[in-house]
Amino acid sequence: MPLVALAPGGPLAPEKSASPLVALATSPFAAAWRSQPTAVDRTKGRPVEIGGDRVRRFIYCDTFREPWCLEDAAVEGLNGLRWDPQAPALLLEGHGPGRQRLRLTYRFTAPYDAKELVASLEGEIAGSPRDRVSLALSLDGRDFILPARACGRPAGNPFHLTTTSSYYFDGLGFWIRVEADLQPGSRVVLRRFVANCRVKPPGRPEVTLTPDVEGRLLYTDAFASSRILHLAEVENPSALEWQRGALLLRGREGAPTQVVIRQRFLAPDPLRSLLVRVHHAVNRRELGGTSSFALSLDGRTPLASCTTPGDEGVFRGVTELRLDSPAALREARQFYLHITLSNDKGSAAAPSNVLSAIEVEARPAEREARAAMAP
């Protein structure tokens, strides 16, 4: 089975993870929802990064087990929204006086093309035929097209809205809007929201580093999406699981499991120093996990390496790999990060290996020379 990118509420939802190694911010979202000041009626949200799997599909799925929409969507009419953790569901309610328009606008972005978009929304609307809920798409975040709508009924009207486009969204991102137009006392219950599109990843699995204002070459992957599958060579990707903020390896019954990730980084100038930090966790004592990391210049010969955990059998923290001598780097313009995740116990009860972030900081030779001559 190919790895599928799943957002909150899918099969890899936080509450279904038994691993004590994964730091998952579930309660802060519930607390954030409860702590919203009543004077605030809208939120900005933040873009959702599009990833994908080896069959080049991206799936975003929210079943509202946690109020992630508070982070992901730009909300208009926040005072008319209520999250029910018991259902679980998101409730959009009309309050007086007059009709009320409530909106959740999701923005999806990617550094490569996304097309063949399908969006769907499931729930129920209770009210009059004048009350409605809609689902629409946009390329620019302003003009929304191809709407799918459902109208209310006093006893409730279950709906499954779907809208799709194979032409308009051959670009670097898109917006999806959920909108409810309600009179006082009417209500929309949202139970499942899904966005599904095809992605066209870069031609080669590599990362090109670009300098910041200080000349540093910085790169961070906090696994907000599964883009590493497009930006690295991965052996045995079907053994990996992705959930927001983590890449996981579990054991497979009856046989050891291993995944090898080799990521190539390109620099515009020769390098003089290189630091890579990997935020991760591994449990060998109970779950049989081992994680190994290395840096090379040619993709084969390691110049710096580390294997965890240590004697305690459990590790959770940051592993650093450093190359900062001219003799080691030889003014190279490329380097490789090697990651090997292994499990030899075969227990699938919880993830034995967890990656939560990769950070790269490199300095080109010219920048280092100028810094050394500075007074």
Protein backbone atom coordinates (compact mmCIF):
# COMPACT_ATOMS: atom_id res chain seq x y z
CA MET A 1 0.00 0.00 0.00
CA PRO A 2 1.39 3.44 -0.85
CA LEU A 3 1.81 5.95 1.91
CA VAL A 4 -1.17 8.30 1.98
CA ALA A 5 -0.96 11.82 3.37
CA LEU A 6 -3.55 12.04 6.12
CA ALA A 7 -4.51 15.16 8.01
CA PRO A 8 -6.28 15.20 11.38
CA GLY A 9 -9.18 12.83 11.85
CA GLY A 10 -7.89 10.11 9.54
CA PRO A 11 -6.78 6.60 10.54
CA LEU A 12 -3.61 8.03 12.07
CA ALA A 13 -5.45 10.53 14.24
CA PRO A 14 -3.60 11.44 17.46
CA GLU A 15 -6.05 9.78 19.79
CA LYS A 16 -5.45 6.44 18.07
CA SER A 17 -1.68 6.53 18.53
CA ALA A 18 -0.49 4.46 21.47
CA SER A 19 3.09 5.69 21.24
CA PRO A 20 4.37 7.67 24.23
CA LEU A 21 7.14 8.95 21.95
CA VAL A 22 4.96 11.15 19.76
CA ALA A 23 4.30 14.63 21.12
CA LEU A 24 0.86 15.44 19.76
CA ALA A 25 -0.83 18.74 20.58
CA THR A 26 -4.43 17.64 20.93
CA SER A 27 -5.50 19.24 24.20
CA PRO A 28 -3.99 22.65 23.28
CA PHE A 29 -6.35 22.80 20.31
CA ALA A 30 -9.37 22.09 22.48
CA ALA A 31 -8.15 24.67 24.98
CA ALA A 32 -7.54 27.19 22.20
CA TRP A 33 -11.08 26.72 20.98
CA ARG A 34 -12.53 27.32 24.44
CA SER A 35 -10.30 30.33 25.07
CA GLN A 36 -11.26 32.34 21.98
CA PRO A 37 -12.45 35.77 23.16
CA THR A 38 -16.08 36.48 22.37
CA ALA A 39 -15.12 39.74 20.67
CA VAL A 40 -13.14 37.87 18.01
CA ASP A 41 -15.33 36.90 15.07
CA ARG A 42 -12.72 35.84 12.53
CA THR A 43 -9.36 34.10 12.33
CA LYS A 44 -6.69 34.17 9.63
CA GLY A 45 -5.75 30.50 9.48
CA ARG A 46 -2.55 29.38 7.83
CA PRO A 47 -1.84 27.57 4.54
CA VAL A 48 -1.92 23.79 4.48
CA GLU A 49 1.13 22.35 2.75
CA ILE A 50 0.39 19.86 -0.01
CA GLY A 51 2.44 16.67 0.08
CA GLY A 52 1.61 13.46 -1.68
CA ASP A 53 2.42 9.79 -1.93
CA ARG A 54 4.22 7.57 -4.38
CA VAL A 55 1.16 7.47 -6.62
CA ARG A 56 1.19 11.27 -6.57
CA ARG A 57 -2.04 11.87 -4.70
CA PHE A 58 -2.61 14.23 -1.79
CA ILE A 59 -5.47 13.64 0.64
CA TYR A 60 -6.49 16.07 3.37
CA CYS A 61 -9.15 14.64 5.66
CA ASP A 62 -10.69 16.26 8.74
CA THR A 63 -13.37 14.39 10.70
CA PHE A 64 -13.42 17.11 13.39
CA ARG A 65 -12.16 14.90 16.20
CA GLU A 66 -10.13 17.98 17.15
CA PRO A 67 -10.83 21.60 16.14
CA TRP A 68 -7.90 21.75 13.70
CA CYS A 69 -9.96 24.09 11.52
CA LEU A 70 -9.10 26.82 14.03
CA GLU A 71 -5.51 26.56 12.78
CA ASP A 72 -6.01 25.60 9.15
CA ALA A 73 -8.99 27.66 7.99
CA ALA A 74 -9.65 31.37 7.85
CA VAL A 75 -12.91 31.59 9.80
CA GLU A 76 -15.53 34.30 9.37
CA GLY A 77 -18.31 34.24 11.95
CA LEU A 78 -16.39 32.48 14.69
CA ASN A 79 -19.08 33.31 17.24
CA GLY A 80 -21.50 31.17 15.26
CA LEU A 81 -19.23 28.09 15.38
CA ARG A 82 -19.21 25.47 18.10
CA TRP A 83 -17.09 22.35 18.30
CA ASP A 84 -18.69 19.26 19.84
CA PRO A 85 -15.98 16.80 20.93
CA GLN A 86 -18.58 14.16 21.83
CA ALA A 87 -20.07 13.86 18.33
CA PRO A 88 -17.39 14.67 17.06
CA ALA A 89 -18.63 17.47 14.80
CA LEU A 90 -18.31 21.14 13.99
CA LEU A 91 -21.55 23.10 14.41
CA LEU A 92 -22.39 26.25 12.43
CA GLU A 93 -25.32 28.00 14.06
CA GLY A 94 -27.39 31.04 13.08
CA HIS A 95 -27.81 33.64 15.81
CA GLY A 96 -30.10 36.68 15.79
CA PRO A 97 -30.93 39.16 14.73
CA GLY A 98 -31.08 38.56 10.98
CA ARG A 99 -29.42 36.05 8.73
CA GLN A 100 -25.80 35.12 9.30
CA ARG A 101 -23.09 34.02 6.90
CA LEU A 102 -20.39 31.71 8.27
CA ARG A 103 -17.28 30.77 6.30
CA LEU A 104 -14.31 28.46 6.60
CA THR A 105 -11.75 29.08 3.86
CA TYR A 106 -8.88 26.61 3.49
CA ARG A 107 -5.79 27.49 1.50
CA PHE A 108 -3.58 24.70 0.12
CA THR A 109 -0.09 25.46 -1.20
CA ALA A 110 2.73 23.46 -2.81
CA PRO A 111 6.04 24.15 -4.54
CA TYR A 112 4.79 22.06 -7.47
CA ASP A 113 1.64 21.75 -9.57
CA ALA A 114 -1.61 20.44 -8.11
CA LYS A 115 -4.54 19.48 -10.30
CA GLU A 116 -7.49 17.12 -10.65
CA LEU A 117 -8.95 18.51 -7.44
CA VAL A 118 -11.89 16.86 -5.70
CA ALA A 119 -13.42 18.35 -2.54
CA SER A 120 -16.22 16.82 -0.49
CA LEU A 121 -18.18 17.76 2.61
CA GLU A 122 -20.52 15.61 4.70
CA GLY A 123 -22.97 16.70 7.36
CA GLU A 124 -26.53 17.84 7.97
CA ILE A 125 -28.41 21.14 7.68
CA ALA A 126 -31.52 21.87 9.73
CA GLY A 127 -33.65 24.93 9.00
CA SER A 128 -35.81 26.24 6.17
CA PRO A 129 -35.29 25.82 2.40
CA ARG A 130 -33.81 29.34 2.44
CA ASP A 131 -30.95 28.14 4.64
CA ARG A 132 -28.09 26.61 2.73
CA VAL A 133 -24.55 25.29 2.97
CA SER A 134 -22.14 25.32 0.04
CA LEU A 135 -18.72 24.05 -1.00
CA ALA A 136 -16.74 25.94 -3.68
CA LEU A 137 -13.24 26.20 -5.19
CA SER A 138 -10.96 29.10 -6.08
CA LEU A 139 -7.61 29.69 -7.74
CA ASP A 140 -6.96 33.13 -6.24
CA GLY A 141 -8.87 33.11 -2.94
CA ARG A 142 -11.36 35.71 -4.18
CA ASP A 143 -13.51 34.24 -6.96
CA PHE A 144 -15.09 30.94 -5.91
CA ILE A 145 -16.55 28.72 -8.61
CA LEU A 146 -18.20 25.34 -9.15
CA PRO A 147 -20.27 25.48 -5.95
CA ALA A 148 -22.16 22.47 -4.61
CA ARG A 149 -25.11 23.38 -2.34
CA ALA A 150 -27.62 21.84 0.04
CA CYS A 151 -30.72 23.49 1.52
CA GLY A 152 -32.22 23.02 4.96
CA ARG A 153 -35.29 21.16 6.15
CA PRO A 154 -36.99 21.50 9.53
CA ALA A 155 -36.27 17.86 10.37
CA GLY A 156 -32.71 18.06 9.04
CA ASN A 157 -31.27 17.35 5.62
CA PRO A 158 -28.20 15.07 5.44
CA PHE A 159 -25.86 16.10 2.63
CA HIS A 160 -22.75 14.89 0.85
CA LEU A 161 -21.46 17.74 -1.30
CA THR A 162 -18.78 17.18 -3.95
CA THR A 163 -17.13 19.66 -6.30
CA THR A 164 -14.30 18.91 -8.70
CA SER A 165 -12.13 20.53 -11.34
CA SER A 166 -9.46 19.08 -13.61
CA TYR A 167 -8.67 22.29 -15.50
CA TYR A 168 -8.80 25.39 -13.31
CA PHE A 169 -6.33 24.18 -10.69
CA ASP A 170 -3.27 23.33 -12.75
CA GLY A 171 -1.24 25.66 -10.54
CA LEU A 172 0.70 26.05 -7.30
CA GLY A 173 -2.24 26.07 -4.89
CA PHE A 174 -5.95 26.50 -4.43
CA TRP A 175 -8.62 27.55 -1.95
CA ILE A 176 -11.70 25.65 -0.77
CA ARG A 177 -14.55 27.46 0.99
CA VAL A 178 -17.26 26.06 3.21
CA GLU A 179 -20.07 28.60 3.58
CA ALA A 180 -23.35 28.56 5.48
CA ASP A 181 -26.11 31.16 5.10
CA LEU A 182 -28.45 30.70 8.05
CA GLN A 183 -31.34 32.36 9.80
CA PRO A 184 -31.48 32.46 13.64
CA GLY A 185 -32.01 28.98 15.05
CA SER A 186 -30.81 27.10 11.96
CA ARG A 187 -27.78 24.86 12.16
CA VAL A 188 -25.24 23.02 10.02
CA VAL A 189 -23.38 19.99 11.37
CA LEU A 190 -20.05 19.23 9.66
CA ARG A 191 -18.76 15.68 10.11
CA ARG A 192 -16.15 15.18 7.38
CA PHE A 193 -14.19 17.44 5.03
CA VAL A 194 -11.85 16.01 2.36
CA ALA A 195 -9.61 17.57 -0.30
CA ASN A 196 -7.98 15.24 -2.81
CA CYS A 197 -5.73 16.24 -5.71
CA ARG A 198 -2.98 14.96 -7.95
CA VAL A 199 0.45 16.49 -7.47
CA LYS A 200 3.32 16.81 -9.92
CA PRO A 201 6.52 16.69 -7.88
CA PRO A 202 9.89 18.07 -9.02
CA GLY A 203 11.74 16.11 -11.66
CA ARG A 204 14.56 15.06 -9.32
CA PRO A 205 14.31 14.13 -5.63
CA GLU A 206 16.56 16.84 -4.18
CA VAL A 207 16.55 20.13 -2.27
CA THR A 208 18.15 23.31 -3.61
CA LEU A 209 19.31 25.58 -0.78
CA THR A 210 18.96 29.34 -1.13
CA PRO A 211 20.73 31.97 1.04
CA ASP A 212 18.88 34.15 3.51
CA VAL A 213 19.69 37.83 4.11
CA GLU A 214 22.70 36.83 6.22
CA GLY A 215 24.04 34.45 3.59
CA ARG A 216 23.12 31.28 5.49
CA LEU A 217 21.66 28.31 3.69
CA LEU A 218 18.71 27.16 5.79
CA TYR A 219 16.18 24.38 5.31
CA THR A 220 13.55 22.95 7.65
CA ASP A 221 11.10 20.12 7.16
CA ALA A 222 8.73 19.80 10.13
CA PHE A 223 6.69 17.14 8.31
CA ALA A 224 3.68 19.38 7.88
CA SER A 225 3.21 17.27 4.75
CA SER A 226 4.74 14.15 3.26
CA ARG A 227 6.82 16.15 0.76
CA ILE A 228 9.97 14.25 1.76
CA LEU A 229 8.74 11.42 -0.48
CA HIS A 230 9.17 13.78 -3.44
CA LEU A 231 12.38 15.42 -2.23
CA ALA A 232 14.35 12.30 -1.26
CA GLU A 233 15.05 8.77 -2.43
CA VAL A 234 13.15 6.38 -0.15
CA GLU A 235 13.61 2.62 0.01
CA ASN A 236 10.52 0.74 1.23
CA PRO A 237 8.22 3.80 1.48
CA SER A 238 5.18 1.57 2.06
CA ALA A 239 6.45 0.90 5.60
CA LEU A 240 6.21 4.59 6.52
CA GLU A 241 3.23 6.35 8.03
CA TRP A 242 2.78 10.10 7.97
CA GLN A 243 0.68 12.17 10.29
CA ARG A 244 0.86 15.90 10.71
CA GLY A 245 4.22 16.73 12.24
CA ALA A 246 5.67 13.20 12.23
CA LEU A 247 6.99 10.43 10.02
CA LEU A 248 6.55 7.04 11.68
CA LEU A 249 7.83 3.49 11.41
CA ARG A 250 6.04 0.57 13.04
CA GLY A 251 7.05 -3.04 13.18
CA ARG A 252 5.60 -5.58 10.78
CA GLU A 253 4.52 -8.95 12.11
CA GLY A 254 6.82 -11.83 11.28
CA ALA A 255 9.79 -9.95 9.82
CA PRO A 256 12.14 -7.05 10.49
CA THR A 257 11.36 -3.74 8.82
CA GLN A 258 13.73 -1.10 7.49
CA VAL A 259 13.34 2.19 5.63
CA VAL A 260 16.27 4.07 4.10
CA ILE A 261 15.95 7.76 3.20
CA ARG A 262 18.67 9.50 1.19
CA GLN A 263 18.17 13.22 0.64
CA ARG A 264 20.42 15.26 -1.62
CA PHE A 265 21.04 18.97 -0.93
CA LEU A 266 22.51 21.39 -3.49
CA ALA A 267 24.26 24.67 -2.60
CA PRO A 268 24.92 27.62 -4.94
CA ASP A 269 28.49 28.05 -3.63
CA PRO A 270 31.19 25.82 -2.12
CA LEU A 271 30.50 24.95 1.50
CA ARG A 272 32.73 25.60 4.51
CA SER A 273 30.46 24.46 7.34
CA LEU A 274 27.42 22.26 7.66
CA LEU A 275 25.12 21.40 10.58
CA VAL A 276 22.14 19.05 10.41
CA ARG A 277 19.75 18.52 13.32
CA VAL A 278 17.21 15.69 13.33
CA HIS A 279 14.45 15.84 15.93
CA HIS A 280 13.33 12.28 16.54
CA ALA A 281 12.44 9.53 18.98
CA VAL A 282 13.18 5.82 19.00
CA ASN A 283 12.29 2.98 21.37
CA ARG A 284 14.44 -0.10 21.14
CA ARG A 285 13.79 -1.46 24.59
CA GLU A 286 10.07 -2.22 24.13
CA LEU A 287 9.51 -1.81 20.38
CA GLY A 288 12.79 -2.83 18.71
CA GLY A 289 13.60 0.43 16.96
CA THR A 290 16.96 1.78 15.83
CA SER A 291 17.64 5.03 13.98
CA SER A 292 20.88 5.85 12.18
CA PHE A 293 21.95 9.12 10.55
CA ALA A 294 24.91 10.07 8.37
CA LEU A 295 26.27 12.82 6.14
CA SER A 296 28.17 12.22 2.93
CA LEU A 297 29.34 14.23 -0.05
CA ASP A 298 28.94 11.51 -2.67
CA GLY A 299 25.83 9.67 -1.45
CA ARG A 300 27.90 6.66 -0.35
CA THR A 301 30.82 7.41 2.00
CA PRO A 302 29.72 8.69 5.46
CA LEU A 303 31.82 11.51 6.92
CA ALA A 304 29.74 11.97 10.08
CA SER A 305 27.32 9.44 11.56
CA CYS A 306 25.32 8.55 14.65
CA THR A 307 23.11 5.64 15.74
CA THR A 308 20.47 5.89 18.49
CA PRO A 309 19.28 4.99 21.05
CA GLY A 310 22.06 4.66 23.58
CA ASP A 311 22.41 2.29 26.51
CA GLU A 312 19.01 3.19 27.97
CA GLY A 313 17.19 1.79 24.95
CA VAL A 314 14.94 4.84 24.51
CA PHE A 315 15.85 8.19 22.96
CA ARG A 316 13.85 11.35 22.44
CA GLY A 317 15.60 14.54 21.46
CA VAL A 318 17.89 16.00 18.78
CA THR A 319 20.75 14.29 16.96
CA GLU A 320 23.33 16.64 15.43
CA LEU A 321 25.67 15.91 12.55
CA ARG A 322 28.36 18.45 11.78
CA LEU A 323 30.97 18.98 9.07
CA ASP A 324 32.98 22.16 9.61
CA SER A 325 36.52 21.48 8.42
CA PRO A 326 37.78 22.42 4.95
CA ALA A 327 39.43 19.01 4.66
CA ALA A 328 36.11 17.23 5.17
CA LEU A 329 33.96 19.42 2.95
CA ARG A 330 36.55 20.06 0.23
CA GLU A 331 34.42 23.05 -0.94
CA ALA A 332 31.66 20.69 -2.01
CA ARG A 333 28.46 22.14 -3.47
CA GLN A 334 26.34 19.15 -2.52
CA PHE A 335 25.85 16.77 0.39
CA TYR A 336 23.56 13.89 1.33
CA LEU A 337 21.64 13.17 4.49
CA HIS A 338 21.17 9.44 5.12
CA ILE A 339 18.45 8.22 7.49
CA THR A 340 17.91 4.55 8.31
CA LEU A 341 14.90 3.54 10.40
CA SER A 342 14.84 -0.10 11.53
CA ASN A 343 12.56 -2.32 13.59
CA ASP A 344 13.51 -5.90 14.45
CA LYS A 345 10.73 -6.88 16.90
CA GLY A 346 7.73 -6.91 14.61
CA SER A 347 5.35 -5.19 17.00
CA ALA A 348 2.89 -2.88 15.27
CA ALA A 349 1.23 -1.70 18.48
CA ALA A 350 2.98 1.68 18.40
CA PRO A 351 5.61 3.49 16.31
CA SER A 352 9.14 2.44 17.21
CA ASN A 353 10.76 5.29 15.24
CA VAL A 354 9.47 8.85 14.93
CA LEU A 355 10.94 11.72 12.88
CA SER A 356 9.51 15.12 13.79
CA ALA A 357 11.83 17.63 12.06
CA ILE A 358 14.94 17.99 9.91
CA GLU A 359 16.92 21.24 10.14
CA VAL A 360 19.84 22.17 7.89
CA GLU A 361 22.17 25.14 8.38
CA ALA A 362 25.09 25.57 5.99
CA ARG A 363 27.47 28.41 5.27
CA PRO A 364 29.20 28.93 1.94
CA ALA A 365 32.96 29.44 1.80
CA GLU A 366 32.74 33.02 0.57
CA ARG A 367 30.48 34.01 3.46
CA GLU A 368 32.83 32.39 5.98
CA ALA A 369 35.81 34.26 4.52
CA ARG A 370 34.07 37.63 4.79
CA ALA A 371 33.09 36.91 8.40
CA ALA A 372 36.68 36.03 9.30
CA MET A 373 37.97 39.36 7.88
CA ALA A 374 35.34 41.47 9.65
CA PRO A 375 36.71 43.68 12.50
